[in-house]
Amino acid sequence: MSTLESRLTELEIRLSFLDEALHGLLATDAARTLRQDRLERTVAELRLELAAVRVALDPDTRTEPPPPHY
């Protein structure tokens, strides 16, 4: 095998390892993005629920009596 052929083979091997690594990184990033999107939706839902609970307890907090230590 000539030097040129061996260099080409080495480059092909390195390229295949890089290609495999890139696919792994892309899959990991896609999974992370999905997880982040789910977390953001959950936080948004929890904020809506918290707002609903606050309104259900007392829609106007100015009508609350002051705490006992005042």
Protein backbone atom coordinates (compact mmCIF):
# COMPACT_ATOMS: atom_id res chain seq x y z
CA MET A 1 0.00 0.00 0.00
CA SER A 2 1.42 3.36 -0.94
CA THR A 3 1.78 6.28 1.42
CA LEU A 4 -1.04 8.11 -0.32
CA GLU A 5 -3.39 5.13 0.03
CA SER A 6 -2.53 4.71 3.70
CA ARG A 7 -3.11 8.41 4.36
CA LEU A 8 -6.45 8.23 2.56
CA THR A 9 -7.46 5.17 4.59
CA GLU A 10 -6.47 6.94 7.81
CA LEU A 11 -8.54 9.97 6.85
CA GLU A 12 -11.55 7.79 6.01
CA ILE A 13 -11.29 6.08 9.40
CA ARG A 14 -11.05 9.41 11.22
CA LEU A 15 -13.99 10.76 9.22
CA SER A 16 -16.15 7.79 10.16
CA PHE A 17 -15.33 8.29 13.88
CA LEU A 18 -16.14 11.99 13.59
CA ASP A 19 -19.40 11.20 11.79
CA GLU A 20 -20.39 8.76 14.54
CA ALA A 21 -19.54 11.29 17.24
CA LEU A 22 -21.54 14.00 15.48
CA HIS A 23 -24.62 11.76 15.25
CA GLY A 24 -24.33 11.00 18.96
CA LEU A 25 -24.09 14.68 19.82
CA LEU A 26 -27.08 15.53 17.64
CA ALA A 27 -29.17 12.81 19.28
CA THR A 28 -28.18 14.04 22.74
CA ASP A 29 -29.01 17.63 21.82
CA ALA A 30 -32.41 16.61 20.42
CA ALA A 31 -33.24 14.74 23.63
CA ARG A 32 -32.14 17.72 25.73
CA THR A 33 -34.27 20.08 23.66
CA LEU A 34 -37.35 17.89 24.11
CA ARG A 35 -36.75 17.68 27.86
CA GLN A 36 -36.30 21.46 28.09
CA ASP A 37 -39.51 22.07 26.12
CA ARG A 38 -41.44 19.76 28.47
CA LEU A 39 -40.02 21.56 31.51
CA GLU A 40 -40.93 24.97 30.09
CA ARG A 41 -44.51 23.80 29.39
CA THR A 42 -44.76 22.40 32.92
CA VAL A 43 -43.57 25.68 34.45
CA ALA A 44 -46.08 27.63 32.34
CA GLU A 45 -48.90 25.31 33.45
CA LEU A 46 -47.86 25.62 37.10
CA ARG A 47 -47.84 29.42 36.84
CA LEU A 48 -51.38 29.36 35.46
CA GLU A 49 -52.50 27.03 38.24
CA LEU A 50 -50.87 29.25 40.87
CA ALA A 51 -52.59 32.31 39.45
CA ALA A 52 -55.93 30.48 39.51
CA VAL A 53 -55.40 29.43 43.13
CA ARG A 54 -54.54 32.99 44.12
CA VAL A 55 -57.69 34.31 42.46
CA ALA A 56 -59.81 31.56 44.03
CA LEU A 57 -58.48 32.32 47.51
CA ASP A 58 -59.00 36.07 47.27
CA PRO A 59 -59.14 37.97 44.03
CA ASP A 60 -58.17 41.25 45.70
CA THR A 61 -55.36 41.03 48.22
CA ARG A 62 -56.06 44.59 49.40
CA THR A 63 -59.13 43.28 51.25
CA GLU A 64 -57.00 41.04 53.45
CA PRO A 65 -56.66 42.19 57.05
CA PRO A 66 -53.15 43.15 58.15
CA PRO A 67 -51.07 40.48 59.90
CA PRO A 68 -51.56 40.25 63.69
CA HIS A 69 -48.22 41.85 64.53
CA TYR A 70 -49.37 45.25 63.12
